[in-house]
Amino acid sequence: MHLKFRQLSGAYAICRLPSDASIPQFTAPAPFTSITRSADELSIVCPANQAPKNAKCDGPWTCFKLEGPFPFSQTGVLASFINPLAEKGLSIFAISTFDTDYVLVKEEHAGTAREILHAAGHQFMA
């Protein structure tokens, strides 16, 4: 499967707060923000400059958006994108939404990730 993807602007942070923490109020709209609450944590992916001050955060990360939407019946979408990265030893952080998938890689590996994905047949949309 060959996919189209683009790189979202700016650096991202992956943050963790206690599961009972309040959801932070973000001051500016962003190309992508994800908030997930589980019994164990409140996980937030957001622009690095909006990372909650009291959270445990990791970054900077680069965010790639797969150009969906993809029907729920389509299988292997995310696997076809992340497997080439895993085979080359690049760690990822993936998030799925209703329409598409987002894959974050450490900012210092963004260029290498684009090269690996291109070699795997995926098309970078500038």
PDB file of N, CA and C in Angstrom:
ATOM      1  N   MET A   1       0.848  -1.167   0.000  1.00  0.00           N
ATOM      2  CA  MET A   1       0.000   0.000   0.000  1.00  0.00           C
ATOM      3  C   MET A   1       0.900   1.239   0.000  1.00  0.00           C
ATOM      4  N   HIS A   2       0.610   2.154  -0.910  1.00  0.00           N
ATOM      5  CA  HIS A   2       1.378   3.396  -1.000  1.00  0.00           C
ATOM      6  C   HIS A   2       0.487   4.548  -0.560  1.00  0.00           C
ATOM      7  N   LEU A   3       0.991   5.321   0.385  1.00  0.00           N
ATOM      8  CA  LEU A   3       0.208   6.387   0.997  1.00  0.00           C
ATOM      9  C   LEU A   3       0.805   7.754   0.703  1.00  0.00           C
ATOM     10  N   LYS A   4      -0.042   8.769   0.793  1.00  0.00           N
ATOM     11  CA  LYS A   4       0.410  10.156   0.734  1.00  0.00           C
ATOM     12  C   LYS A   4       0.440  10.674   2.172  1.00  0.00           C
ATOM     13  N   PHE A   5       1.466  11.486   2.470  1.00  0.00           N
ATOM     14  CA  PHE A   5       1.558  12.052   3.811  1.00  0.00           C
ATOM     15  C   PHE A   5       2.189  13.429   3.751  1.00  0.00           C
ATOM     16  N   ARG A   6       1.943  14.198   4.787  1.00  0.00           N
ATOM     17  CA  ARG A   6       2.556  15.519   4.898  1.00  0.00           C
ATOM     18  C   ARG A   6       3.103  15.718   6.295  1.00  0.00           C
ATOM     19  N   GLN A   7       4.006  16.666   6.418  1.00  0.00           N
ATOM     20  CA  GLN A   7       4.605  16.998   7.711  1.00  0.00           C
ATOM     21  C   GLN A   7       3.915  18.237   8.239  1.00  0.00           C
ATOM     22  N   LEU A   8       3.379  18.154   9.451  1.00  0.00           N
ATOM     23  CA  LEU A   8       2.760  19.313  10.064  1.00  0.00           C
ATOM     24  C   LEU A   8       3.840  20.273  10.540  1.00  0.00           C
ATOM     25  N   SER A   9       3.524  21.549  10.545  1.00  0.00           N
ATOM     26  CA  SER A   9       4.517  22.549  10.913  1.00  0.00           C
ATOM     27  C   SER A   9       4.791  22.541  12.413  1.00  0.00           C
ATOM     28  N   GLY A  10       6.006  22.879  12.762  1.00  0.00           N
ATOM     29  CA  GLY A  10       6.385  23.035  14.162  1.00  0.00           C
ATOM     30  C   GLY A  10       6.787  21.755  14.844  1.00  0.00           C
ATOM     31  N   ALA A  11       7.311  21.925  16.042  1.00  0.00           N
ATOM     32  CA  ALA A  11       7.738  20.808  16.888  1.00  0.00           C
ATOM     33  C   ALA A  11       6.599  20.436  17.834  1.00  0.00           C
ATOM     34  N   TYR A  12       6.523  19.157  18.171  1.00  0.00           N
ATOM     35  CA  TYR A  12       5.480  18.637  19.049  1.00  0.00           C
ATOM     36  C   TYR A  12       6.077  18.037  20.312  1.00  0.00           C
ATOM     37  N   ALA A  13       5.272  18.013  21.358  1.00  0.00           N
ATOM     38  CA  ALA A  13       5.639  17.380  22.624  1.00  0.00           C
ATOM     39  C   ALA A  13       4.608  16.299  22.929  1.00  0.00           C
ATOM     40  N   ILE A  14       5.071  15.227  23.546  1.00  0.00           N
ATOM     41  CA  ILE A  14       4.197  14.162  24.034  1.00  0.00           C
ATOM     42  C   ILE A  14       4.265  14.247  25.545  1.00  0.00           C
ATOM     43  N   CYS A  15       3.104  14.484  26.170  1.00  0.00           N
ATOM     44  CA  CYS A  15       3.068  14.803  27.600  1.00  0.00           C
ATOM     45  C   CYS A  15       2.160  13.852  28.369  1.00  0.00           C
ATOM     46  N   ARG A  16       2.490  13.707  29.653  1.00  0.00           N
ATOM     47  CA  ARG A  16       1.717  12.848  30.555  1.00  0.00           C
ATOM     48  C   ARG A  16       1.391  13.618  31.820  1.00  0.00           C
ATOM     49  N   LEU A  17       0.124  13.543  32.188  1.00  0.00           N
ATOM     50  CA  LEU A  17      -0.365  14.094  33.453  1.00  0.00           C
ATOM     51  C   LEU A  17      -1.078  12.974  34.208  1.00  0.00           C
ATOM     52  N   PRO A  18      -1.329  13.164  35.500  1.00  0.00           N
ATOM     53  CA  PRO A  18      -2.099  12.153  36.237  1.00  0.00           C
ATOM     54  C   PRO A  18      -3.484  11.955  35.606  1.00  0.00           C
ATOM     55  N   SER A  19      -4.033  10.787  35.769  1.00  0.00           N
ATOM     56  CA  SER A  19      -5.315  10.459  35.135  1.00  0.00           C
ATOM     57  C   SER A  19      -6.458  11.375  35.560  1.00  0.00           C
ATOM     58  N   ASP A  20      -6.368  11.948  36.749  1.00  0.00           N
ATOM     59  CA  ASP A  20      -7.446  12.817  37.220  1.00  0.00           C
ATOM     60  C   ASP A  20      -7.165  14.295  36.986  1.00  0.00           C
ATOM     61  N   ALA A  21      -6.125  14.632  36.249  1.00  0.00           N
ATOM     62  CA  ALA A  21      -5.777  16.035  35.985  1.00  0.00           C
ATOM     63  C   ALA A  21      -6.824  16.687  35.081  1.00  0.00           C
ATOM     64  N   SER A  22      -6.969  17.987  35.233  1.00  0.00           N
ATOM     65  CA  SER A  22      -7.840  18.748  34.343  1.00  0.00           C
ATOM     66  C   SER A  22      -7.187  18.873  32.978  1.00  0.00           C
ATOM     67  N   ILE A  23      -8.010  18.920  31.961  1.00  0.00           N
ATOM     68  CA  ILE A  23      -7.488  19.115  30.610  1.00  0.00           C
ATOM     69  C   ILE A  23      -7.039  20.566  30.485  1.00  0.00           C
ATOM     70  N   PRO A  24      -5.792  20.782  30.090  1.00  0.00           N
ATOM     71  CA  PRO A  24      -5.291  22.156  29.974  1.00  0.00           C
ATOM     72  C   PRO A  24      -6.044  22.947  28.909  1.00  0.00           C
ATOM     73  N   GLN A  25      -6.104  24.244  29.105  1.00  0.00           N
ATOM     74  CA  GLN A  25      -6.675  25.147  28.113  1.00  0.00           C
ATOM     75  C   GLN A  25      -5.532  25.617  27.216  1.00  0.00           C
ATOM     76  N   PHE A  26      -5.661  25.403  25.922  1.00  0.00           N
ATOM     77  CA  PHE A  26      -4.619  25.809  24.993  1.00  0.00           C
ATOM     78  C   PHE A  26      -4.915  27.215  24.496  1.00  0.00           C
ATOM     79  N   THR A  27      -3.868  28.010  24.373  1.00  0.00           N
ATOM     80  CA  THR A  27      -4.031  29.433  24.063  1.00  0.00           C
ATOM     81  C   THR A  27      -4.179  29.731  22.582  1.00  0.00           C
ATOM     82  N   ALA A  28      -3.752  28.834  21.720  1.00  0.00           N
ATOM     83  CA  ALA A  28      -3.817  29.092  20.280  1.00  0.00           C
ATOM     84  C   ALA A  28      -4.207  27.823  19.542  1.00  0.00           C
ATOM     85  N   PRO A  29      -4.918  27.971  18.426  1.00  0.00           N
ATOM     86  CA  PRO A  29      -5.242  26.784  17.643  1.00  0.00           C
ATOM     87  C   PRO A  29      -3.959  26.164  17.081  1.00  0.00           C
ATOM     88  N   ALA A  30      -3.981  24.861  16.904  1.00  0.00           N
ATOM     89  CA  ALA A  30      -2.794  24.150  16.419  1.00  0.00           C
ATOM     90  C   ALA A  30      -3.200  23.226  15.279  1.00  0.00           C
ATOM     91  N   PRO A  31      -2.241  22.887  14.408  1.00  0.00           N
ATOM     92  CA  PRO A  31      -2.560  21.939  13.338  1.00  0.00           C
ATOM     93  C   PRO A  31      -2.986  20.574  13.870  1.00  0.00           C
ATOM     94  N   PHE A  32      -2.511  20.231  15.071  1.00  0.00           N
ATOM     95  CA  PHE A  32      -2.871  18.939  15.645  1.00  0.00           C
ATOM     96  C   PHE A  32      -2.669  18.970  17.152  1.00  0.00           C
ATOM     97  N   THR A  33      -3.660  18.485  17.868  1.00  0.00           N
ATOM     98  CA  THR A  33      -3.589  18.263  19.313  1.00  0.00           C
ATOM     99  C   THR A  33      -4.392  17.000  19.588  1.00  0.00           C
ATOM    100  N   SER A  34      -3.865  16.136  20.428  1.00  0.00           N
ATOM    101  CA  SER A  34      -4.582  14.929  20.811  1.00  0.00           C
ATOM    102  C   SER A  34      -4.582  14.822  22.329  1.00  0.00           C
ATOM    103  N   ILE A  35      -5.759  14.547  22.882  1.00  0.00           N
ATOM    104  CA  ILE A  35      -5.904  14.385  24.326  1.00  0.00           C
ATOM    105  C   ILE A  35      -6.594  13.056  24.569  1.00  0.00           C
ATOM    106  N   THR A  36      -5.936  12.186  25.336  1.00  0.00           N
ATOM    107  CA  THR A  36      -6.483  10.869  25.630  1.00  0.00           C
ATOM    108  C   THR A  36      -6.414  10.631  27.132  1.00  0.00           C
ATOM    109  N   ARG A  37      -7.548  10.294  27.710  1.00  0.00           N
ATOM    110  CA  ARG A  37      -7.582   9.971  29.134  1.00  0.00           C
ATOM    111  C   ARG A  37      -7.815   8.477  29.295  1.00  0.00           C
ATOM    112  N   SER A  38      -7.014   7.853  30.146  1.00  0.00           N
ATOM    113  CA  SER A  38      -7.209   6.453  30.501  1.00  0.00           C
ATOM    114  C   SER A  38      -7.238   6.366  32.024  1.00  0.00           C
ATOM    115  N   ALA A  39      -7.415   5.170  32.541  1.00  0.00           N
ATOM    116  CA  ALA A  39      -7.395   4.995  33.994  1.00  0.00           C
ATOM    117  C   ALA A  39      -6.019   5.293  34.574  1.00  0.00           C
ATOM    118  N   ASP A  40      -4.989   5.260  33.724  1.00  0.00           N
ATOM    119  CA  ASP A  40      -3.617   5.441  34.193  1.00  0.00           C
ATOM    120  C   ASP A  40      -3.031   6.823  33.974  1.00  0.00           C
ATOM    121  N   GLU A  41      -3.550   7.564  33.001  1.00  0.00           N
ATOM    122  CA  GLU A  41      -2.919   8.841  32.661  1.00  0.00           C
ATOM    123  C   GLU A  41      -3.820   9.715  31.812  1.00  0.00           C
ATOM    124  N   LEU A  42      -3.434  10.985  31.719  1.00  0.00           N
ATOM    125  CA  LEU A  42      -3.971  11.927  30.744  1.00  0.00           C
ATOM    126  C   LEU A  42      -2.803  12.197  29.801  1.00  0.00           C
ATOM    127  N   SER A  43      -2.917  11.744  28.568  1.00  0.00           N
ATOM    128  CA  SER A  43      -1.841  11.853  27.594  1.00  0.00           C
ATOM    129  C   SER A  43      -2.197  12.955  26.605  1.00  0.00           C
ATOM    130  N   ILE A  44      -1.239  13.848  26.358  1.00  0.00           N
ATOM    131  CA  ILE A  44      -1.469  14.993  25.481  1.00  0.00           C
ATOM    132  C   ILE A  44      -0.339  15.088  24.468  1.00  0.00           C
ATOM    133  N   VAL A  45      -0.708  15.217  23.205  1.00  0.00           N
ATOM    134  CA  VAL A  45       0.244  15.530  22.149  1.00  0.00           C
ATOM    135  C   VAL A  45      -0.154  16.902  21.632  1.00  0.00           C
ATOM    136  N   CYS A  46       0.798  17.828  21.663  1.00  0.00           N
ATOM    137  CA  CYS A  46       0.486  19.203  21.299  1.00  0.00           C
ATOM    138  C   CYS A  46       1.749  19.898  20.803  1.00  0.00           C
ATOM    139  N   PRO A  47       1.596  21.090  20.205  1.00  0.00           N
ATOM    140  CA  PRO A  47       2.794  21.836  19.849  1.00  0.00           C
ATOM    141  C   PRO A  47       3.680  22.014  21.084  1.00  0.00           C
ATOM    142  N   ALA A  48       4.984  21.874  20.890  1.00  0.00           N
ATOM    143  CA  ALA A  48       5.926  21.926  22.013  1.00  0.00           C
ATOM    144  C   ALA A  48       5.797  23.226  22.802  1.00  0.00           C
ATOM    145  N   ASN A  49       5.494  24.326  22.119  1.00  0.00           N
ATOM    146  CA  ASN A  49       5.391  25.605  22.825  1.00  0.00           C
ATOM    147  C   ASN A  49       4.107  25.740  23.643  1.00  0.00           C
ATOM    148  N   GLN A  50       3.205  24.749  23.557  1.00  0.00           N
ATOM    149  CA  GLN A  50       1.985  24.755  24.355  1.00  0.00           C
ATOM    150  C   GLN A  50       1.950  23.610  25.366  1.00  0.00           C
ATOM    151  N   ALA A  51       3.065  22.932  25.541  1.00  0.00           N
ATOM    152  CA  ALA A  51       3.108  21.801  26.473  1.00  0.00           C
ATOM    153  C   ALA A  51       2.785  22.267  27.886  1.00  0.00           C
ATOM    154  N   PRO A  52       1.925  21.535  28.593  1.00  0.00           N
ATOM    155  CA  PRO A  52       1.583  21.919  29.966  1.00  0.00           C
ATOM    156  C   PRO A  52       2.836  21.942  30.849  1.00  0.00           C
ATOM    157  N   LYS A  53       2.992  23.007  31.611  1.00  0.00           N
ATOM    158  CA  LYS A  53       4.196  23.201  32.434  1.00  0.00           C
ATOM    159  C   LYS A  53       4.344  22.138  33.515  1.00  0.00           C
ATOM    160  N   ASN A  54       3.252  21.618  34.039  1.00  0.00           N
ATOM    161  CA  ASN A  54       3.304  20.656  35.142  1.00  0.00           C
ATOM    162  C   ASN A  54       3.288  19.200  34.672  1.00  0.00           C
ATOM    163  N   ALA A  55       3.469  18.981  33.371  1.00  0.00           N
ATOM    164  CA  ALA A  55       3.411  17.631  32.812  1.00  0.00           C
ATOM    165  C   ALA A  55       4.815  17.071  32.591  1.00  0.00           C
ATOM    166  N   LYS A  56       4.899  15.753  32.592  1.00  0.00           N
ATOM    167  CA  LYS A  56       6.120  15.071  32.153  1.00  0.00           C
ATOM    168  C   LYS A  56       6.053  15.038  30.632  1.00  0.00           C
ATOM    169  N   CYS A  57       7.031  15.645  29.961  1.00  0.00           N
ATOM    170  CA  CYS A  57       6.970  15.768  28.502  1.00  0.00           C
ATOM    171  C   CYS A  57       8.233  15.243  27.847  1.00  0.00           C
ATOM    172  N   ASP A  58       8.078  14.786  26.607  1.00  0.00           N
ATOM    173  CA  ASP A  58       9.184  14.338  25.792  1.00  0.00           C
ATOM    174  C   ASP A  58       9.092  15.051  24.448  1.00  0.00           C
ATOM    175  N   GLY A  59      10.223  15.446  23.906  1.00  0.00           N
ATOM    176  CA  GLY A  59      10.220  16.104  22.608  1.00  0.00           C
ATOM    177  C   GLY A  59      11.574  16.691  22.319  1.00  0.00           C
ATOM    178  N   PRO A  60      11.737  17.330  21.233  1.00  0.00           N
ATOM    179  CA  PRO A  60      10.715  17.629  20.226  1.00  0.00           C
ATOM    180  C   PRO A  60      10.492  16.462  19.257  1.00  0.00           C
ATOM    181  N   TRP A  61       9.263  16.381  18.779  1.00  0.00           N
ATOM    182  CA  TRP A  61       8.832  15.381  17.816  1.00  0.00           C
ATOM    183  C   TRP A  61       8.325  16.090  16.563  1.00  0.00           C
ATOM    184  N   THR A  62       8.411  15.418  15.420  1.00  0.00           N
ATOM    185  CA  THR A  62       7.826  15.884  14.168  1.00  0.00           C
ATOM    186  C   THR A  62       6.589  15.037  13.908  1.00  0.00           C
ATOM    187  N   CYS A  63       5.528  15.681  13.442  1.00  0.00           N
ATOM    188  CA  CYS A  63       4.258  14.982  13.214  1.00  0.00           C
ATOM    189  C   CYS A  63       3.975  14.844  11.727  1.00  0.00           C
ATOM    190  N   PHE A  64       3.780  13.595  11.282  1.00  0.00           N
ATOM    191  CA  PHE A  64       3.368  13.306   9.914  1.00  0.00           C
ATOM    192  C   PHE A  64       1.888  12.931   9.911  1.00  0.00           C
ATOM    193  N   LYS A  65       1.156  13.510   8.975  1.00  0.00           N
ATOM    194  CA  LYS A  65      -0.268  13.206   8.822  1.00  0.00           C
ATOM    195  C   LYS A  65      -0.462  12.380   7.559  1.00  0.00           C
ATOM    196  N   LEU A  66      -1.053  11.213   7.693  1.00  0.00           N
ATOM    197  CA  LEU A  66      -1.398  10.407   6.535  1.00  0.00           C
ATOM    198  C   LEU A  66      -2.629  11.034   5.889  1.00  0.00           C
ATOM    199  N   GLU A  67      -2.624  11.111   4.583  1.00  0.00           N
ATOM    200  CA  GLU A  67      -3.722  11.762   3.881  1.00  0.00           C
ATOM    201  C   GLU A  67      -4.892  10.802   3.713  1.00  0.00           C
ATOM    202  N   GLY A  68      -5.826  10.856   4.653  1.00  0.00           N
ATOM    203  CA  GLY A  68      -7.034  10.056   4.614  1.00  0.00           C
ATOM    204  C   GLY A  68      -8.122  10.837   3.907  1.00  0.00           C
ATOM    205  N   PRO A  69      -9.364  10.491   4.153  1.00  0.00           N
ATOM    206  CA  PRO A  69      -9.807   9.508   5.142  1.00  0.00           C
ATOM    207  C   PRO A  69      -9.654   8.076   4.630  1.00  0.00           C
ATOM    208  N   PHE A  70      -9.563   7.187   5.608  1.00  0.00           N
ATOM    209  CA  PHE A  70      -9.479   5.758   5.339  1.00  0.00           C
ATOM    210  C   PHE A  70     -10.707   5.097   5.939  1.00  0.00           C
ATOM    211  N   PRO A  71     -11.398   4.254   5.169  1.00  0.00           N
ATOM    212  CA  PRO A  71     -12.550   3.547   5.731  1.00  0.00           C
ATOM    213  C   PRO A  71     -12.092   2.546   6.799  1.00  0.00           C
ATOM    214  N   PHE A  72     -12.938   2.313   7.772  1.00  0.00           N
ATOM    215  CA  PHE A  72     -12.606   1.377   8.835  1.00  0.00           C
ATOM    216  C   PHE A  72     -12.358  -0.036   8.299  1.00  0.00           C
ATOM    217  N   SER A  73     -12.904  -0.355   7.152  1.00  0.00           N
ATOM    218  CA  SER A  73     -12.731  -1.688   6.579  1.00  0.00           C
ATOM    219  C   SER A  73     -11.366  -1.868   5.905  1.00  0.00           C
ATOM    220  N   GLN A  74     -10.643  -0.773   5.666  1.00  0.00           N
ATOM    221  CA  GLN A  74      -9.326  -0.867   5.028  1.00  0.00           C
ATOM    222  C   GLN A  74      -8.294  -1.291   6.065  1.00  0.00           C
ATOM    223  N   THR A  75      -7.597  -2.370   5.784  1.00  0.00           N
ATOM    224  CA  THR A  75      -6.632  -2.894   6.746  1.00  0.00           C
ATOM    225  C   THR A  75      -5.205  -2.597   6.303  1.00  0.00           C
ATOM    226  N   GLY A  76      -4.307  -2.531   7.279  1.00  0.00           N
ATOM    227  CA  GLY A  76      -2.892  -2.397   6.985  1.00  0.00           C
ATOM    228  C   GLY A  76      -2.388  -0.995   6.716  1.00  0.00           C
ATOM    229  N   VAL A  77      -3.229   0.010   6.864  1.00  0.00           N
ATOM    230  CA  VAL A  77      -2.824   1.381   6.562  1.00  0.00           C
ATOM    231  C   VAL A  77      -1.653   1.794   7.447  1.00  0.00           C
ATOM    232  N   LEU A  78      -1.853   1.771   8.733  1.00  0.00           N
ATOM    233  CA  LEU A  78      -0.807   2.209   9.653  1.00  0.00           C
ATOM    234  C   LEU A  78       0.420   1.297   9.575  1.00  0.00           C
ATOM    235  N   ALA A  79       0.196   0.004   9.480  1.00  0.00           N
ATOM    236  CA  ALA A  79       1.319  -0.945   9.404  1.00  0.00           C
ATOM    237  C   ALA A  79       2.201  -0.663   8.189  1.00  0.00           C
ATOM    238  N   SER A  80       1.595  -0.350   7.050  1.00  0.00           N
ATOM    239  CA  SER A  80       2.395  -0.107   5.843  1.00  0.00           C
ATOM    240  C   SER A  80       3.254   1.141   5.992  1.00  0.00           C
ATOM    241  N   PHE A  81       2.839   2.045   6.859  1.00  0.00           N
ATOM    242  CA  PHE A  81       3.580   3.292   7.070  1.00  0.00           C
ATOM    243  C   PHE A  81       4.667   3.137   8.128  1.00  0.00           C
ATOM    244  N   ILE A  82       4.346   2.444   9.214  1.00  0.00           N
ATOM    245  CA  ILE A  82       5.317   2.382  10.316  1.00  0.00           C
ATOM    246  C   ILE A  82       6.301   1.220  10.202  1.00  0.00           C
ATOM    247  N   ASN A  83       5.947   0.155   9.503  1.00  0.00           N
ATOM    248  CA  ASN A  83       6.869  -0.976   9.390  1.00  0.00           C
ATOM    249  C   ASN A  83       8.216  -0.595   8.780  1.00  0.00           C
ATOM    250  N   PRO A  84       8.263   0.198   7.690  1.00  0.00           N
ATOM    251  CA  PRO A  84       9.574   0.587   7.159  1.00  0.00           C
ATOM    252  C   PRO A  84      10.408   1.384   8.170  1.00  0.00           C
ATOM    253  N   LEU A  85       9.753   2.181   8.991  1.00  0.00           N
ATOM    254  CA  LEU A  85      10.468   2.951  10.013  1.00  0.00           C
ATOM    255  C   LEU A  85      11.028   2.023  11.085  1.00  0.00           C
ATOM    256  N   ALA A  86      10.209   1.060  11.523  1.00  0.00           N
ATOM    257  CA  ALA A  86      10.651   0.101  12.545  1.00  0.00           C
ATOM    258  C   ALA A  86      11.809  -0.752  12.035  1.00  0.00           C
ATOM    259  N   GLU A  87      11.730  -1.158  10.773  1.00  0.00           N
ATOM    260  CA  GLU A  87      12.801  -1.978  10.195  1.00  0.00           C
ATOM    261  C   GLU A  87      14.139  -1.255  10.182  1.00  0.00           C
ATOM    262  N   LYS A  88      14.099   0.078  10.151  1.00  0.00           N
ATOM    263  CA  LYS A  88      15.326   0.883  10.164  1.00  0.00           C
ATOM    264  C   LYS A  88      15.664   1.399  11.561  1.00  0.00           C
ATOM    265  N   GLY A  89      14.914   0.955  12.576  1.00  0.00           N
ATOM    266  CA  GLY A  89      15.225   1.296  13.962  1.00  0.00           C
ATOM    267  C   GLY A  89      14.716   2.642  14.441  1.00  0.00           C
ATOM    268  N   LEU A  90      13.775   3.251  13.731  1.00  0.00           N
ATOM    269  CA  LEU A  90      13.210   4.522  14.177  1.00  0.00           C
ATOM    270  C   LEU A  90      11.979   4.264  15.035  1.00  0.00           C
ATOM    271  N   SER A  91      11.971   4.813  16.227  1.00  0.00           N
ATOM    272  CA  SER A  91      10.802   4.672  17.085  1.00  0.00           C
ATOM    273  C   SER A  91       9.758   5.703  16.664  1.00  0.00           C
ATOM    274  N   ILE A  92       8.514   5.370  16.917  1.00  0.00           N
ATOM    275  CA  ILE A  92       7.405   6.243  16.519  1.00  0.00           C
ATOM    276  C   ILE A  92       6.412   6.353  17.663  1.00  0.00           C
ATOM    277  N   PHE A  93       5.516   7.315  17.540  1.00  0.00           N
ATOM    278  CA  PHE A  93       4.358   7.451  18.415  1.00  0.00           C
ATOM    279  C   PHE A  93       3.194   7.660  17.464  1.00  0.00           C
ATOM    280  N   ALA A  94       2.225   6.760  17.442  1.00  0.00           N
ATOM    281  CA  ALA A  94       1.116   6.813  16.490  1.00  0.00           C
ATOM    282  C   ALA A  94      -0.198   7.138  17.186  1.00  0.00           C
ATOM    283  N   ILE A  95      -1.015   7.902  16.493  1.00  0.00           N
ATOM    284  CA  ILE A  95      -2.352   8.261  16.979  1.00  0.00           C
ATOM    285  C   ILE A  95      -3.320   8.126  15.811  1.00  0.00           C
ATOM    286  N   SER A  96      -4.419   7.467  16.048  1.00  0.00           N
ATOM    287  CA  SER A  96      -5.452   7.343  15.025  1.00  0.00           C
ATOM    288  C   SER A  96      -6.646   8.205  15.391  1.00  0.00           C
ATOM    289  N   THR A  97      -7.253   8.793  14.364  1.00  0.00           N
ATOM    290  CA  THR A  97      -8.494   9.541  14.540  1.00  0.00           C
ATOM    291  C   THR A  97      -9.570   8.865  13.693  1.00  0.00           C
ATOM    292  N   PHE A  98     -10.736   9.422  13.648  1.00  0.00           N
ATOM    293  CA  PHE A  98     -11.828   8.836  12.878  1.00  0.00           C
ATOM    294  C   PHE A  98     -11.440   8.698  11.406  1.00  0.00           C
ATOM    295  N   ASP A  99     -10.792   9.730  10.832  1.00  0.00           N
ATOM    296  CA  ASP A  99     -10.495   9.757   9.405  1.00  0.00           C
ATOM    297  C   ASP A  99      -9.106   9.304   9.001  1.00  0.00           C
ATOM    298  N   THR A 100      -8.128   9.435   9.903  1.00  0.00           N
ATOM    299  CA  THR A 100      -6.755   9.209   9.456  1.00  0.00           C
ATOM    300  C   THR A 100      -5.834   8.834  10.608  1.00  0.00           C
ATOM    301  N   ASP A 101      -4.550   8.800  10.313  1.00  0.00           N
ATOM    302  CA  ASP A 101      -3.534   8.470  11.309  1.00  0.00           C
ATOM    303  C   ASP A 101      -2.466   9.554  11.312  1.00  0.00           C
ATOM    304  N   TYR A 102      -1.863   9.737  12.475  1.00  0.00           N
ATOM    305  CA  TYR A 102      -0.745  10.656  12.659  1.00  0.00           C
ATOM    306  C   TYR A 102       0.398   9.851  13.253  1.00  0.00           C
ATOM    307  N   VAL A 103       1.596  10.064  12.717  1.00  0.00           N
ATOM    308  CA  VAL A 103       2.771   9.352  13.198  1.00  0.00           C
ATOM    309  C   VAL A 103       3.827  10.388  13.553  1.00  0.00           C
ATOM    310  N   LEU A 104       4.286  10.325  14.788  1.00  0.00           N
ATOM    311  CA  LEU A 104       5.329  11.236  15.239  1.00  0.00           C
ATOM    312  C   LEU A 104       6.653  10.499  15.319  1.00  0.00           C
ATOM    313  N   VAL A 105       7.712  11.179  14.891  1.00  0.00           N
ATOM    314  CA  VAL A 105       9.081  10.678  15.004  1.00  0.00           C
ATOM    315  C   VAL A 105       9.892  11.775  15.681  1.00  0.00           C
ATOM    316  N   LYS A 106      10.960  11.384  16.355  1.00  0.00           N
ATOM    317  CA  LYS A 106      11.827  12.381  16.970  1.00  0.00           C
ATOM    318  C   LYS A 106      12.273  13.372  15.905  1.00  0.00           C
ATOM    319  N   GLU A 107      12.268  14.650  16.265  1.00  0.00           N
ATOM    320  CA  GLU A 107      12.575  15.705  15.305  1.00  0.00           C
ATOM    321  C   GLU A 107      13.909  15.484  14.584  1.00  0.00           C
ATOM    322  N   GLU A 108      14.905  14.983  15.296  1.00  0.00           N
ATOM    323  CA  GLU A 108      16.212  14.799  14.666  1.00  0.00           C
ATOM    324  C   GLU A 108      16.220  13.670  13.633  1.00  0.00           C
ATOM    325  N   HIS A 109      15.155  12.860  13.598  1.00  0.00           N
ATOM    326  CA  HIS A 109      15.069  11.762  12.629  1.00  0.00           C
ATOM    327  C   HIS A 109      14.056  12.033  11.516  1.00  0.00           C
ATOM    328  N   ALA A 110      13.503  13.242  11.469  1.00  0.00           N
ATOM    329  CA  ALA A 110      12.451  13.550  10.497  1.00  0.00           C
ATOM    330  C   ALA A 110      12.928  13.376   9.054  1.00  0.00           C
ATOM    331  N   GLY A 111      14.109  13.893   8.723  1.00  0.00           N
ATOM    332  CA  GLY A 111      14.631  13.758   7.362  1.00  0.00           C
ATOM    333  C   GLY A 111      14.865  12.308   6.988  1.00  0.00           C
ATOM    334  N   THR A 112      15.450  11.563   7.895  1.00  0.00           N
ATOM    335  CA  THR A 112      15.681  10.131   7.663  1.00  0.00           C
ATOM    336  C   THR A 112      14.358   9.405   7.481  1.00  0.00           C
ATOM    337  N   ALA A 113      13.372   9.749   8.286  1.00  0.00           N
ATOM    338  CA  ALA A 113      12.055   9.109   8.173  1.00  0.00           C
ATOM    339  C   ALA A 113      11.433   9.388   6.807  1.00  0.00           C
ATOM    340  N   ARG A 114      11.516  10.626   6.335  1.00  0.00           N
ATOM    341  CA  ARG A 114      10.981  10.950   5.002  1.00  0.00           C
ATOM    342  C   ARG A 114      11.683  10.115   3.925  1.00  0.00           C
ATOM    343  N   GLU A 115      13.006   9.966   4.029  1.00  0.00           N
ATOM    344  CA  GLU A 115      13.749   9.161   3.052  1.00  0.00           C
ATOM    345  C   GLU A 115      13.310   7.698   3.091  1.00  0.00           C
ATOM    346  N   ILE A 116      13.166   7.148   4.290  1.00  0.00           N
ATOM    347  CA  ILE A 116      12.744   5.751   4.441  1.00  0.00           C
ATOM    348  C   ILE A 116      11.342   5.559   3.860  1.00  0.00           C
ATOM    349  N   LEU A 117      10.445   6.475   4.166  1.00  0.00           N
ATOM    350  CA  LEU A 117       9.068   6.365   3.678  1.00  0.00           C
ATOM    351  C   LEU A 117       9.000   6.511   2.163  1.00  0.00           C
ATOM    352  N   HIS A 118       9.802   7.407   1.606  1.00  0.00           N
ATOM    353  CA  HIS A 118       9.857   7.563   0.150  1.00  0.00           C
ATOM    354  C   HIS A 118      10.353   6.268  -0.498  1.00  0.00           C
ATOM    355  N   ALA A 119      11.409   5.689   0.056  1.00  0.00           N
ATOM    356  CA  ALA A 119      11.960   4.429  -0.472  1.00  0.00           C
ATOM    357  C   ALA A 119      10.938   3.294  -0.382  1.00  0.00           C
ATOM    358  N   ALA A 120      10.023   3.379   0.577  1.00  0.00           N
ATOM    359  CA  ALA A 120       8.986   2.354   0.723  1.00  0.00           C
ATOM    360  C   ALA A 120       7.794   2.609  -0.207  1.00  0.00           C
ATOM    361  N   GLY A 121       7.849   3.706  -0.977  1.00  0.00           N
ATOM    362  CA  GLY A 121       6.789   3.981  -1.963  1.00  0.00           C
ATOM    363  C   GLY A 121       5.756   4.987  -1.515  1.00  0.00           C
ATOM    364  N   HIS A 122       5.938   5.572  -0.337  1.00  0.00           N
ATOM    365  CA  HIS A 122       4.991   6.577   0.143  1.00  0.00           C
ATOM    366  C   HIS A 122       5.368   7.943  -0.432  1.00  0.00           C
ATOM    367  N   GLN A 123       4.364   8.774  -0.646  1.00  0.00           N
ATOM    368  CA  GLN A 123       4.578  10.068  -1.295  1.00  0.00           C
ATOM    369  C   GLN A 123       4.462  11.215  -0.314  1.00  0.00           C
ATOM    370  N   PHE A 124       5.552  11.980  -0.168  1.00  0.00           N
ATOM    371  CA  PHE A 124       5.575  13.157   0.703  1.00  0.00           C
ATOM    372  C   PHE A 124       4.919  14.309  -0.032  1.00  0.00           C
ATOM    373  N   MET A 125       3.942  14.929   0.591  1.00  0.00           N
ATOM    374  CA  MET A 125       3.238  16.075   0.030  1.00  0.00           C
ATOM    375  C   MET A 125       3.761  17.333   0.725  1.00  0.00           C
ATOM    376  N   ALA A 126       4.458  18.154   0.000  1.00  0.00           N
ATOM    377  CA  ALA A 126       5.035  19.370   0.601  1.00  0.00           C
ATOM    378  C   ALA A 126       3.980  20.425   0.838  1.00  0.00           C
TER     379      ALA A 126
END
